[in-house]
Amino acid sequence: MQWIILIGNEGFNLNLIRNLQHYGENKSTSLSEDRIVVDYGYDHVFYEIAEDIMNDYEEDDKKRIPFPNPQFIMMTYTNEKLMKQILSQENFPRGIYIDDDNGNIMPVEDFIVS
């Protein structure tokens, strides 16, 4: 499984993801208050609140996050093509940033085309 971190402002939270219509999903399940899974048949995507992750960032990385009080959701996936399709959905939150775990923190729009 692979992961990226979704980074948003104070209004960005797991309920935004939970309430989306996930195109192609079989079922969405709340595993806990802080974690959901979206089942796409063979593939699954997990979303989990990552509250304390800011402590793991170096100072240079923190400066690249444009939000004064960032909110973090870890997106764990099995299929990279599916992950990019999800992020490309017109109903997926915009104005968020992606930490791709390869040293890059960028707007979701830039990440989708990378």
Protein backbone atom coordinates (compact mmCIF):
# COMPACT_ATOMS: atom_id res chain seq x y z
CA MET A 1 0.00 0.00 0.00
CA GLN A 2 1.12 3.54 -0.74
CA TRP A 3 0.12 6.83 0.82
CA ILE A 4 -0.02 10.57 0.37
CA ILE A 5 -1.07 13.25 2.82
CA LEU A 6 -3.88 15.65 1.99
CA ILE A 7 -3.30 19.05 3.60
CA GLY A 8 -6.02 21.67 3.93
CA ASN A 9 -7.10 24.67 5.95
CA GLU A 10 -9.16 24.66 9.15
CA GLY A 11 -12.32 23.70 7.26
CA PHE A 12 -10.76 20.60 5.70
CA ASN A 13 -11.85 17.47 7.55
CA LEU A 14 -12.75 13.84 7.16
CA ASN A 15 -16.47 14.63 6.85
CA LEU A 16 -15.78 16.37 3.53
CA ILE A 17 -14.32 13.11 2.24
CA ARG A 18 -16.90 10.93 3.96
CA ASN A 19 -19.79 12.86 2.35
CA LEU A 20 -18.41 12.75 -1.20
CA GLN A 21 -19.95 10.63 -3.87
CA HIS A 22 -16.96 8.46 -4.71
CA TYR A 23 -17.39 7.55 -8.37
CA GLY A 24 -17.09 3.82 -8.98
CA GLU A 25 -17.26 2.86 -5.31
CA ASN A 26 -18.98 -0.25 -4.10
CA LYS A 27 -19.28 0.96 -0.52
CA SER A 28 -17.89 3.47 2.00
CA THR A 29 -17.46 2.40 5.62
CA SER A 30 -16.56 4.42 8.69
CA LEU A 31 -14.05 2.25 10.53
CA SER A 32 -13.90 4.78 13.36
CA GLU A 33 -14.54 8.47 13.85
CA ASP A 34 -11.06 9.18 12.46
CA ARG A 35 -10.87 6.60 9.65
CA ILE A 36 -12.93 5.55 6.64
CA VAL A 37 -12.43 3.09 3.81
CA VAL A 38 -13.88 3.34 0.32
CA ASP A 39 -14.23 -0.02 -1.40
CA TYR A 40 -13.82 -0.09 -5.17
CA GLY A 41 -13.98 -3.88 -5.49
CA TYR A 42 -10.41 -5.08 -5.90
CA ASP A 43 -8.99 -1.76 -4.69
CA HIS A 44 -9.54 0.10 -1.42
CA VAL A 45 -8.72 3.64 -0.34
CA PHE A 46 -8.35 4.51 3.34
CA TYR A 47 -8.61 8.05 4.72
CA GLU A 48 -7.39 8.73 8.23
CA ILE A 49 -6.98 11.92 10.25
CA ALA A 50 -3.30 12.52 10.99
CA GLU A 51 -3.47 15.11 13.77
CA ASP A 52 0.08 14.99 15.13
CA ILE A 53 1.89 14.67 11.82
CA MET A 54 2.93 18.34 11.79
CA ASN A 55 5.56 17.39 14.37
CA ASP A 56 7.20 15.14 11.74
CA TYR A 57 7.82 17.98 9.29
CA GLU A 58 11.16 19.79 9.01
CA GLU A 59 11.05 23.60 9.26
CA ASP A 60 11.64 24.01 5.50
CA ASP A 61 8.67 21.74 4.76
CA LYS A 62 6.44 23.59 7.23
CA LYS A 63 7.13 26.82 5.32
CA ARG A 64 5.79 25.19 2.13
CA ILE A 65 2.40 24.54 3.76
CA PRO A 66 0.33 27.69 3.13
CA PHE A 67 -2.18 27.23 5.95
CA PRO A 68 -1.77 28.74 9.44
CA ASN A 69 -3.61 25.81 11.07
CA PRO A 70 -3.26 22.94 8.59
CA GLN A 71 -5.40 19.83 8.78
CA PHE A 72 -3.94 16.51 7.60
CA ILE A 73 -5.63 13.42 6.20
CA MET A 74 -3.57 10.41 5.21
CA MET A 75 -4.84 8.76 2.02
CA THR A 76 -3.65 5.16 1.74
CA TYR A 77 -4.28 3.40 -1.56
CA THR A 78 -3.49 0.27 -3.54
CA ASN A 79 -3.75 1.69 -7.05
CA GLU A 80 -2.02 4.93 -8.10
CA LYS A 81 -4.20 5.40 -11.18
CA LEU A 82 -7.34 5.15 -9.03
CA MET A 83 -5.88 7.61 -6.49
CA LYS A 84 -5.29 10.20 -9.22
CA GLN A 85 -8.80 9.60 -10.63
CA ILE A 86 -10.25 10.26 -7.16
CA LEU A 87 -8.26 13.48 -6.75
CA SER A 88 -9.40 14.52 -10.26
CA GLN A 89 -13.12 14.17 -9.50
CA GLU A 90 -14.83 17.54 -9.88
CA ASN A 91 -16.41 17.14 -6.44
CA PHE A 92 -13.09 16.44 -4.64
CA PRO A 93 -11.98 19.35 -2.42
CA ARG A 94 -9.82 21.96 -4.17
CA GLY A 95 -7.42 24.40 -2.59
CA ILE A 96 -5.67 21.57 -0.75
CA TYR A 97 -2.04 20.52 -0.94
CA ILE A 98 -0.51 17.07 -1.35
CA ASP A 99 2.56 15.72 0.42
CA ASP A 100 3.64 12.87 -1.86
CA ASP A 101 6.16 11.37 0.61
CA ASN A 102 8.93 12.03 -1.92
CA GLY A 103 9.87 15.46 -0.60
CA ASN A 104 7.20 17.30 -2.60
CA ILE A 105 4.41 19.44 -1.18
CA MET A 106 2.26 20.91 -3.94
CA PRO A 107 -1.27 22.03 -4.81
CA VAL A 108 -3.55 19.10 -5.66
CA GLU A 109 -4.01 20.50 -9.18
CA ASP A 110 -0.25 20.26 -9.82
CA PHE A 111 -0.02 16.82 -8.25
CA ILE A 112 -2.76 15.39 -10.50
CA VAL A 113 -0.82 16.27 -13.65
CA SER A 114 2.60 15.21 -12.33
